[in-house]
PDB file of N, CA and C in Angstrom:
ATOM      1  N   UNK A   1       0.845  -1.165   0.000  1.00  0.00           N
ATOM      2  CA  UNK A   1       0.000   0.000   0.000  1.00  0.00           C
ATOM      3  C   UNK A   1       0.897   1.237   0.000  1.00  0.00           C
ATOM      4  N   UNK A   2       0.725   2.105  -1.002  1.00  0.00           N
ATOM      5  CA  UNK A   2       1.491   3.343  -1.073  1.00  0.00           C
ATOM      6  C   UNK A   2       0.757   4.433  -0.295  1.00  0.00           C
ATOM      7  N   UNK A   3       1.507   5.154   0.533  1.00  0.00           N
ATOM      8  CA  UNK A   3       0.904   6.184   1.382  1.00  0.00           C
ATOM      9  C   UNK A   3       1.666   7.496   1.265  1.00  0.00           C
ATOM     10  N   UNK A   4       0.987   8.567   1.696  1.00  0.00           N
ATOM     11  CA  UNK A   4       1.590   9.888   1.799  1.00  0.00           C
ATOM     12  C   UNK A   4       1.080  10.505   3.100  1.00  0.00           C
ATOM     13  N   UNK A   5       1.992  11.034   3.921  1.00  0.00           N
ATOM     14  CA  UNK A   5       1.620  11.692   5.175  1.00  0.00           C
ATOM     15  C   UNK A   5       1.820  13.184   5.016  1.00  0.00           C
ATOM     16  N   UNK A   6       0.882  13.966   5.549  1.00  0.00           N
ATOM     17  CA  UNK A   6       0.985  15.420   5.436  1.00  0.00           C
ATOM     18  C   UNK A   6       0.176  16.096   6.530  1.00  0.00           C
ATOM     19  N   UNK A   7       0.453  17.382   6.725  1.00  0.00           N
ATOM     20  CA  UNK A   7      -0.301  18.201   7.671  1.00  0.00           C
ATOM     21  C   UNK A   7      -0.969  19.297   6.849  1.00  0.00           C
ATOM     22  N   UNK A   8      -2.286  19.180   6.590  1.00  0.00           N
ATOM     23  CA  UNK A   8      -2.981  20.220   5.828  1.00  0.00           C
ATOM     24  C   UNK A   8      -2.834  21.578   6.527  1.00  0.00           C
ATOM     25  N   UNK A   9      -2.553  22.601   5.746  1.00  0.00           N
ATOM     26  CA  UNK A   9      -2.382  23.929   6.304  1.00  0.00           C
ATOM     27  C   UNK A   9      -0.943  24.260   6.646  1.00  0.00           C
ATOM     28  N   UNK A  10      -0.045  23.265   6.561  1.00  0.00           N
ATOM     29  CA  UNK A  10       1.369  23.529   6.791  1.00  0.00           C
ATOM     30  C   UNK A  10       1.917  24.296   5.595  1.00  0.00           C
ATOM     31  N   UNK A  11       3.016  24.994   5.776  1.00  0.00           N
ATOM     32  CA  UNK A  11       3.623  25.760   4.693  1.00  0.00           C
ATOM     33  C   UNK A  11       4.102  24.864   3.565  1.00  0.00           C
ATOM     34  N   UNK A  12       4.533  25.495   2.485  1.00  0.00           N
ATOM     35  CA  UNK A  12       4.960  24.736   1.313  1.00  0.00           C
ATOM     36  C   UNK A  12       6.425  24.939   0.959  1.00  0.00           C
ATOM     37  N   UNK A  13       7.021  26.055   1.373  1.00  0.00           N
ATOM     38  CA  UNK A  13       8.426  26.293   1.044  1.00  0.00           C
ATOM     39  C   UNK A  13       9.307  25.624   2.107  1.00  0.00           C
ATOM     40  N   UNK A  14      10.604  25.443   1.820  1.00  0.00           N
ATOM     41  CA  UNK A  14      11.491  24.817   2.807  1.00  0.00           C
ATOM     42  C   UNK A  14      11.478  25.575   4.126  1.00  0.00           C
ATOM     43  N   UNK A  15      11.641  24.859   5.208  1.00  0.00           N
ATOM     44  CA  UNK A  15      11.637  25.449   6.535  1.00  0.00           C
ATOM     45  C   UNK A  15      12.790  26.431   6.693  1.00  0.00           C
ATOM     46  N   UNK A  16      12.560  27.481   7.465  1.00  0.00           N
ATOM     47  CA  UNK A  16      13.598  28.466   7.732  1.00  0.00           C
ATOM     48  C   UNK A  16      14.707  27.821   8.564  1.00  0.00           C
ATOM     49  N   UNK A  17      14.345  26.929   9.448  1.00  0.00           N
ATOM     50  CA  UNK A  17      15.289  26.214  10.300  1.00  0.00           C
ATOM     51  C   UNK A  17      14.788  24.785  10.394  1.00  0.00           C
ATOM     52  N   UNK A  18      15.685  23.842  10.531  1.00  0.00           N
ATOM     53  CA  UNK A  18      15.266  22.448  10.640  1.00  0.00           C
ATOM     54  C   UNK A  18      16.180  21.689  11.556  1.00  0.00           C
ATOM     55  N   UNK A  19      15.816  20.469  11.876  1.00  0.00           N
ATOM     56  CA  UNK A  19      16.643  19.657  12.748  1.00  0.00           C
ATOM     57  C   UNK A  19      17.964  19.318  12.087  1.00  0.00           C
ATOM     58  N   UNK A  20      18.033  19.350  10.760  1.00  0.00           N
ATOM     59  CA  UNK A  20      19.292  19.077  10.071  1.00  0.00           C
ATOM     60  C   UNK A  20      20.301  20.197  10.280  1.00  0.00           C
ATOM     61  N   UNK A  21      19.848  21.379  10.714  1.00  0.00           N
ATOM     62  CA  UNK A  21      20.756  22.486  10.993  1.00  0.00           C
ATOM     63  C   UNK A  21      21.689  22.151  12.158  1.00  0.00           C
ATOM     64  N   UNK A  22      21.293  21.184  12.980  1.00  0.00           N
ATOM     65  CA  UNK A  22      22.081  20.801  14.145  1.00  0.00           C
ATOM     66  C   UNK A  22      23.094  19.711  13.822  1.00  0.00           C
ATOM     67  N   UNK A  23      23.030  19.170  12.625  1.00  0.00           N
ATOM     68  CA  UNK A  23      23.916  18.091  12.216  1.00  0.00           C
ATOM     69  C   UNK A  23      25.293  18.665  11.893  1.00  0.00           C
ATOM     70  N   UNK A  24      26.294  18.295  12.680  1.00  0.00           N
ATOM     71  CA  UNK A  24      27.637  18.844  12.483  1.00  0.00           C
ATOM     72  C   UNK A  24      28.284  18.341  11.202  1.00  0.00           C
ATOM     73  N   UNK A  25      27.803  17.221  10.652  1.00  0.00           N
ATOM     74  CA  UNK A  25      28.373  16.665   9.424  1.00  0.00           C
ATOM     75  C   UNK A  25      27.842  17.380   8.191  1.00  0.00           C
ATOM     76  N   UNK A  26      26.826  18.196   8.342  1.00  0.00           N
ATOM     77  CA  UNK A  26      26.220  18.887   7.209  1.00  0.00           C
ATOM     78  C   UNK A  26      27.166  19.959   6.698  1.00  0.00           C
ATOM     79  N   UNK A  27      27.427  19.966   5.400  1.00  0.00           N
ATOM     80  CA  UNK A  27      28.339  20.950   4.824  1.00  0.00           C
ATOM     81  C   UNK A  27      27.605  22.131   4.223  1.00  0.00           C
ATOM     82  N   UNK A  28      26.361  21.941   3.790  1.00  0.00           N
ATOM     83  CA  UNK A  28      25.590  23.029   3.186  1.00  0.00           C
ATOM     84  C   UNK A  28      24.854  23.773   4.288  1.00  0.00           C
ATOM     85  N   UNK A  29      25.390  24.907   4.704  1.00  0.00           N
ATOM     86  CA  UNK A  29      24.783  25.649   5.808  1.00  0.00           C
ATOM     87  C   UNK A  29      23.922  26.804   5.317  1.00  0.00           C
ATOM     88  N   UNK A  30      23.585  26.796   4.039  1.00  0.00           N
ATOM     89  CA  UNK A  30      22.740  27.855   3.498  1.00  0.00           C
ATOM     90  C   UNK A  30      21.350  27.730   4.078  1.00  0.00           C
ATOM     91  N   UNK A  31      20.810  28.821   4.583  1.00  0.00           N
ATOM     92  CA  UNK A  31      19.474  28.844   5.169  1.00  0.00           C
ATOM     93  C   UNK A  31      18.527  29.522   4.200  1.00  0.00           C
ATOM     94  N   UNK A  32      17.351  28.885   3.924  1.00  0.00           N
ATOM     95  CA  UNK A  32      16.385  29.544   3.044  1.00  0.00           C
ATOM     96  C   UNK A  32      15.943  30.868   3.652  1.00  0.00           C
ATOM     97  N   UNK A  33      15.766  31.869   2.825  1.00  0.00           N
ATOM     98  CA  UNK A  33      15.332  33.165   3.330  1.00  0.00           C
ATOM     99  C   UNK A  33      13.870  33.388   2.986  1.00  0.00           C
ATOM    100  N   UNK A  34      13.233  34.147   3.839  1.00  0.00           N
ATOM    101  CA  UNK A  34      11.845  34.515   3.588  1.00  0.00           C
ATOM    102  C   UNK A  34      11.842  35.832   2.842  1.00  0.00           C
ATOM    103  N   UNK A  35      11.191  35.860   1.699  1.00  0.00           N
ATOM    104  CA  UNK A  35      11.066  37.103   0.959  1.00  0.00           C
ATOM    105  C   UNK A  35       9.608  37.492   0.932  1.00  0.00           C
ATOM    106  N   UNK A  36       9.371  38.776   0.835  1.00  0.00           N
ATOM    107  CA  UNK A  36       8.015  39.285   0.808  1.00  0.00           C
ATOM    108  C   UNK A  36       7.241  38.643  -0.336  1.00  0.00           C
ATOM    109  N   UNK A  37       6.089  38.084  -0.035  1.00  0.00           N
ATOM    110  CA  UNK A  37       5.254  37.465  -1.050  1.00  0.00           C
ATOM    111  C   UNK A  37       5.557  35.997  -1.263  1.00  0.00           C
ATOM    112  N   UNK A  38       6.564  35.471  -0.563  1.00  0.00           N
ATOM    113  CA  UNK A  38       6.880  34.052  -0.729  1.00  0.00           C
ATOM    114  C   UNK A  38       5.879  33.210   0.069  1.00  0.00           C
ATOM    115  N   UNK A  39       5.851  31.934  -0.255  1.00  0.00           N
ATOM    116  CA  UNK A  39       4.950  31.010   0.439  1.00  0.00           C
ATOM    117  C   UNK A  39       5.447  30.792   1.870  1.00  0.00           C
ATOM    118  N   UNK A  40       4.538  30.498   2.809  1.00  0.00           N
ATOM    119  CA  UNK A  40       4.967  30.253   4.195  1.00  0.00           C
ATOM    120  C   UNK A  40       5.820  28.977   4.275  1.00  0.00           C
ATOM    121  N   UNK A  41       6.804  28.957   5.187  1.00  0.00           N
ATOM    122  CA  UNK A  41       7.671  27.784   5.300  1.00  0.00           C
ATOM    123  C   UNK A  41       6.963  26.615   5.994  1.00  0.00           C
ATOM    124  N   UNK A  42       7.434  25.398   5.683  1.00  0.00           N
ATOM    125  CA  UNK A  42       6.919  24.213   6.366  1.00  0.00           C
ATOM    126  C   UNK A  42       7.360  24.260   7.823  1.00  0.00           C
ATOM    127  N   UNK A  43       6.476  23.836   8.714  1.00  0.00           N
ATOM    128  CA  UNK A  43       6.801  23.787  10.139  1.00  0.00           C
ATOM    129  C   UNK A  43       6.831  22.356  10.659  1.00  0.00           C
ATOM    130  N   UNK A  44       6.342  21.406   9.875  1.00  0.00           N
ATOM    131  CA  UNK A  44       6.331  20.011  10.303  1.00  0.00           C
ATOM    132  C   UNK A  44       7.265  19.185   9.437  1.00  0.00           C
ATOM    133  N   UNK A  45       8.148  18.444  10.089  1.00  0.00           N
ATOM    134  CA  UNK A  45       9.076  17.538   9.414  1.00  0.00           C
ATOM    135  C   UNK A  45       8.572  16.118   9.688  1.00  0.00           C
ATOM    136  N   UNK A  46       8.147  15.413   8.638  1.00  0.00           N
ATOM    137  CA  UNK A  46       7.578  14.068   8.768  1.00  0.00           C
ATOM    138  C   UNK A  46       8.528  13.079   8.103  1.00  0.00           C
ATOM    139  N   UNK A  47       8.957  12.060   8.861  1.00  0.00           N
ATOM    140  CA  UNK A  47       9.881  11.049   8.330  1.00  0.00           C
ATOM    141  C   UNK A  47       9.375   9.671   8.697  1.00  0.00           C
ATOM    142  N   UNK A  48       9.066   8.825   7.729  1.00  0.00           N
ATOM    143  CA  UNK A  48       9.000   9.097   6.298  1.00  0.00           C
ATOM    144  C   UNK A  48       7.697   9.801   5.949  1.00  0.00           C
ATOM    145  N   UNK A  49       7.710  10.661   4.958  1.00  0.00           N
ATOM    146  CA  UNK A  49       6.509  11.385   4.534  1.00  0.00           C
ATOM    147  C   UNK A  49       5.713  10.580   3.517  1.00  0.00           C
ATOM    148  N   UNK A  50       6.346   9.579   2.912  1.00  0.00           N
ATOM    149  CA  UNK A  50       5.655   8.718   1.952  1.00  0.00           C
ATOM    150  C   UNK A  50       6.420   7.409   1.844  1.00  0.00           C
ATOM    151  N   UNK A  51       5.756   6.423   1.252  1.00  0.00           N
ATOM    152  CA  UNK A  51       6.407   5.124   1.088  1.00  0.00           C
ATOM    153  C   UNK A  51       5.396   4.040   0.791  1.00  0.00           C
ATOM    154  N   UNK A  52       5.837   2.811   0.965  1.00  0.00           N
ATOM    155  CA  UNK A  52       4.991   1.643   0.733  1.00  0.00           C
ATOM    156  C   UNK A  52       5.043   0.763   1.974  1.00  0.00           C
ATOM    157  N   UNK A  53       3.871   0.321   2.436  1.00  0.00           N
ATOM    158  CA  UNK A  53       3.779  -0.581   3.583  1.00  0.00           C
ATOM    159  C   UNK A  53       3.225  -1.921   3.090  1.00  0.00           C
ATOM    160  N   UNK A  54       3.933  -3.011   3.342  1.00  0.00           N
ATOM    161  CA  UNK A  54       3.399  -4.323   2.976  1.00  0.00           C
ATOM    162  C   UNK A  54       2.169  -4.659   3.834  1.00  0.00           C
ATOM    163  N   UNK A  55       1.319  -5.567   3.365  1.00  0.00           N
ATOM    164  CA  UNK A  55       0.132  -5.960   4.146  1.00  0.00           C
ATOM    165  C   UNK A  55       0.519  -6.502   5.530  1.00  0.00           C
ATOM    166  N   UNK A  56      -0.314  -6.223   6.513  1.00  0.00           N
ATOM    167  CA  UNK A  56      -0.157  -6.702   7.886  1.00  0.00           C
ATOM    168  C   UNK A  56       1.175  -6.279   8.509  1.00  0.00           C
ATOM    169  N   UNK A  57       1.640  -5.076   8.180  1.00  0.00           N
ATOM    170  CA  UNK A  57       2.894  -4.600   8.754  1.00  0.00           C
ATOM    171  C   UNK A  57       2.702  -3.196   9.301  1.00  0.00           C
ATOM    172  N   UNK A  58       3.765  -2.658   9.881  1.00  0.00           N
ATOM    173  CA  UNK A  58       3.694  -1.327  10.451  1.00  0.00           C
ATOM    174  C   UNK A  58       5.036  -0.621  10.240  1.00  0.00           C
ATOM    175  N   UNK A  59       5.018   0.723  10.390  1.00  0.00           N
ATOM    176  CA  UNK A  59       6.249   1.506  10.312  1.00  0.00           C
ATOM    177  C   UNK A  59       6.236   2.523  11.440  1.00  0.00           C
ATOM    178  N   UNK A  60       7.407   2.990  11.798  1.00  0.00           N
ATOM    179  CA  UNK A  60       7.542   4.043  12.798  1.00  0.00           C
ATOM    180  C   UNK A  60       7.644   5.370  12.054  1.00  0.00           C
ATOM    181  N   UNK A  61       6.882   6.359  12.510  1.00  0.00           N
ATOM    182  CA  UNK A  61       6.861   7.676  11.880  1.00  0.00           C
ATOM    183  C   UNK A  61       7.289   8.706  12.916  1.00  0.00           C
ATOM    184  N   UNK A  62       8.152   9.637  12.493  1.00  0.00           N
ATOM    185  CA  UNK A  62       8.599  10.714  13.354  1.00  0.00           C
ATOM    186  C   UNK A  62       8.032  12.030  12.833  1.00  0.00           C
ATOM    187  N   UNK A  63       7.435  12.822  13.720  1.00  0.00           N
ATOM    188  CA  UNK A  63       6.910  14.140  13.360  1.00  0.00           C
ATOM    189  C   UNK A  63       7.559  15.165  14.279  1.00  0.00           C
ATOM    190  N   UNK A  64       8.265  16.131  13.665  1.00  0.00           N
ATOM    191  CA  UNK A  64       8.919  17.187  14.443  1.00  0.00           C
ATOM    192  C   UNK A  64       8.325  18.527  14.047  1.00  0.00           C
ATOM    193  N   UNK A  65       8.097  19.376  15.038  1.00  0.00           N
ATOM    194  CA  UNK A  65       7.583  20.722  14.814  1.00  0.00           C
ATOM    195  C   UNK A  65       8.735  21.707  14.876  1.00  0.00           C
ATOM    196  N   UNK A  66       8.925  22.452  13.809  1.00  0.00           N
ATOM    197  CA  UNK A  66       9.897  23.530  13.755  1.00  0.00           C
ATOM    198  C   UNK A  66       9.074  24.810  13.674  1.00  0.00           C
ATOM    199  N   UNK A  67       8.710  25.352  14.826  1.00  0.00           N
ATOM    200  CA  UNK A  67       7.790  26.489  14.884  1.00  0.00           C
ATOM    201  C   UNK A  67       8.441  27.771  14.385  1.00  0.00           C
ATOM    202  N   UNK A  68       7.730  28.474  13.523  1.00  0.00           N
ATOM    203  CA  UNK A  68       8.189  29.769  13.020  1.00  0.00           C
ATOM    204  C   UNK A  68       7.453  30.926  13.674  1.00  0.00           C
ATOM    205  N   UNK A  69       6.425  30.607  14.459  1.00  0.00           N
ATOM    206  CA  UNK A  69       5.633  31.636  15.123  1.00  0.00           C
ATOM    207  C   UNK A  69       5.257  31.167  16.525  1.00  0.00           C
ATOM    208  N   UNK A  70       4.898  32.108  17.362  1.00  0.00           N
ATOM    209  CA  UNK A  70       4.401  31.765  18.691  1.00  0.00           C
ATOM    210  C   UNK A  70       2.889  31.677  18.584  1.00  0.00           C
ATOM    211  N   UNK A  71       2.378  30.466  18.692  1.00  0.00           N
ATOM    212  CA  UNK A  71       0.935  30.266  18.612  1.00  0.00           C
ATOM    213  C   UNK A  71       0.578  28.887  19.132  1.00  0.00           C
ATOM    214  N   UNK A  72      -0.695  28.629  19.267  1.00  0.00           N
ATOM    215  CA  UNK A  72      -1.195  27.318  19.647  1.00  0.00           C
ATOM    216  C   UNK A  72      -1.491  26.552  18.365  1.00  0.00           C
ATOM    217  N   UNK A  73      -0.965  25.341  18.276  1.00  0.00           N
ATOM    218  CA  UNK A  73      -1.169  24.512  17.092  1.00  0.00           C
ATOM    219  C   UNK A  73      -2.252  23.472  17.374  1.00  0.00           C
ATOM    220  N   UNK A  74      -3.277  23.459  16.556  1.00  0.00           N
ATOM    221  CA  UNK A  74      -4.334  22.449  16.596  1.00  0.00           C
ATOM    222  C   UNK A  74      -4.537  21.993  15.165  1.00  0.00           C
ATOM    223  N   UNK A  75      -3.739  21.022  14.751  1.00  0.00           N
ATOM    224  CA  UNK A  75      -3.743  20.568  13.370  1.00  0.00           C
ATOM    225  C   UNK A  75      -3.876  19.046  13.350  1.00  0.00           C
ATOM    226  N   UNK A  76      -3.828  18.471  12.167  1.00  0.00           N
ATOM    227  CA  UNK A  76      -3.936  17.026  12.024  1.00  0.00           C
ATOM    228  C   UNK A  76      -2.881  16.500  11.058  1.00  0.00           C
ATOM    229  N   UNK A  77      -2.341  15.331  11.376  1.00  0.00           N
ATOM    230  CA  UNK A  77      -1.513  14.583  10.453  1.00  0.00           C
ATOM    231  C   UNK A  77      -2.479  13.662   9.720  1.00  0.00           C
ATOM    232  N   UNK A  78      -2.507  13.721   8.393  1.00  0.00           N
ATOM    233  CA  UNK A  78      -3.450  12.897   7.636  1.00  0.00           C
ATOM    234  C   UNK A  78      -2.697  11.907   6.753  1.00  0.00           C
ATOM    235  N   UNK A  79      -3.382  10.809   6.452  1.00  0.00           N
ATOM    236  CA  UNK A  79      -2.821   9.754   5.612  1.00  0.00           C
ATOM    237  C   UNK A  79      -3.613   9.681   4.316  1.00  0.00           C
ATOM    238  N   UNK A  80      -2.905   9.840   3.197  1.00  0.00           N
ATOM    239  CA  UNK A  80      -3.493   9.630   1.872  1.00  0.00           C
ATOM    240  C   UNK A  80      -3.008   8.264   1.387  1.00  0.00           C
ATOM    241  N   UNK A  81      -3.913   7.464   0.833  1.00  0.00           N
ATOM    242  CA  UNK A  81      -3.558   6.138   0.325  1.00  0.00           C
ATOM    243  C   UNK A  81      -3.848   6.102  -1.166  1.00  0.00           C
ATOM    244  N   UNK A  82      -2.802   5.763  -1.939  1.00  0.00           N
ATOM    245  CA  UNK A  82      -2.920   5.720  -3.394  1.00  0.00           C
ATOM    246  C   UNK A  82      -4.008   4.731  -3.816  1.00  0.00           C
ATOM    247  N   UNK A  83      -4.847   5.134  -4.751  1.00  0.00           N
ATOM    248  CA  UNK A  83      -5.954   4.338  -5.295  1.00  0.00           C
ATOM    249  C   UNK A  83      -7.053   4.048  -4.278  1.00  0.00           C
ATOM    250  N   UNK A  84      -7.009   4.722  -3.109  1.00  0.00           N
ATOM    251  CA  UNK A  84      -8.068   4.562  -2.106  1.00  0.00           C
ATOM    252  C   UNK A  84      -8.715   5.909  -1.827  1.00  0.00           C
ATOM    253  N   UNK A  85      -7.912   6.900  -1.460  1.00  0.00           N
ATOM    254  CA  UNK A  85      -8.462   8.221  -1.192  1.00  0.00           C
ATOM    255  C   UNK A  85      -7.535   9.080  -0.371  1.00  0.00           C
ATOM    256  N   UNK A  86      -7.937  10.326  -0.165  1.00  0.00           N
ATOM    257  CA  UNK A  86      -7.171  11.274   0.628  1.00  0.00           C
ATOM    258  C   UNK A  86      -7.765  11.399   2.019  1.00  0.00           C
ATOM    259  N   UNK A  87      -6.905  11.703   2.967  1.00  0.00           N
ATOM    260  CA  UNK A  87      -7.294  11.893   4.368  1.00  0.00           C
ATOM    261  C   UNK A  87      -8.087  10.700   4.892  1.00  0.00           C
ATOM    262  N   UNK A  88      -7.572   9.496   4.637  1.00  0.00           N
ATOM    263  CA  UNK A  88      -8.212   8.259   5.090  1.00  0.00           C
ATOM    264  C   UNK A  88      -8.213   8.174   6.609  1.00  0.00           C
ATOM    265  N   UNK A  89      -7.105   8.588   7.223  1.00  0.00           N
ATOM    266  CA  UNK A  89      -6.961   8.593   8.680  1.00  0.00           C
ATOM    267  C   UNK A  89      -6.425   9.952   9.090  1.00  0.00           C
ATOM    268  N   UNK A  90      -6.853  10.434  10.253  1.00  0.00           N
ATOM    269  CA  UNK A  90      -6.406  11.729  10.754  1.00  0.00           C
ATOM    270  C   UNK A  90      -5.958  11.576  12.210  1.00  0.00           C
ATOM    271  N   UNK A  91      -4.772  12.100  12.517  1.00  0.00           N
ATOM    272  CA  UNK A  91      -4.234  12.054  13.866  1.00  0.00           C
ATOM    273  C   UNK A  91      -4.054  13.479  14.366  1.00  0.00           C
ATOM    274  N   UNK A  92      -4.693  13.865  15.483  1.00  0.00           N
ATOM    275  CA  UNK A  92      -4.581  15.243  15.962  1.00  0.00           C
ATOM    276  C   UNK A  92      -3.154  15.576  16.428  1.00  0.00           C
ATOM    277  N   UNK A  93      -2.729  16.810  16.136  1.00  0.00           N
ATOM    278  CA  UNK A  93      -1.456  17.338  16.620  1.00  0.00           C
ATOM    279  C   UNK A  93      -1.773  18.613  17.395  1.00  0.00           C
ATOM    280  N   UNK A  94      -1.399  18.629  18.649  1.00  0.00           N
ATOM    281  CA  UNK A  94      -1.609  19.811  19.493  1.00  0.00           C
ATOM    282  C   UNK A  94      -0.284  20.221  20.103  1.00  0.00           C
ATOM    283  N   UNK A  95       0.035  21.507  20.025  1.00  0.00           N
ATOM    284  CA  UNK A  95       1.268  22.026  20.611  1.00  0.00           C
ATOM    285  C   UNK A  95       1.080  23.499  20.936  1.00  0.00           C
ATOM    286  N   UNK A  96       1.851  23.984  21.902  1.00  0.00           N
ATOM    287  CA  UNK A  96       1.878  25.417  22.203  1.00  0.00           C
ATOM    288  C   UNK A  96       3.183  25.807  22.813  1.00  0.00           C
TER     289      UNK A  96
END
């Protein structure tokens, strides 16, 4: 079963800061900049964000919040399944 995980309402451009910024082995230290009129940056890092799950199996998913604003988050992680539909399952995400 092919799946895609996402947070509806999350930004679309690369995050301004991410957990990879803390990786000392990373050589590319260029940080995306926010320009006026650009799309909002992603705040949720989902690993894996997509893939294939064999029948009767499971996977571990990591969701990290890289907050760009001070606010209360009440969003959902949703699962889209190829050839089945979008937002088949929804998992609430709450943070502040």
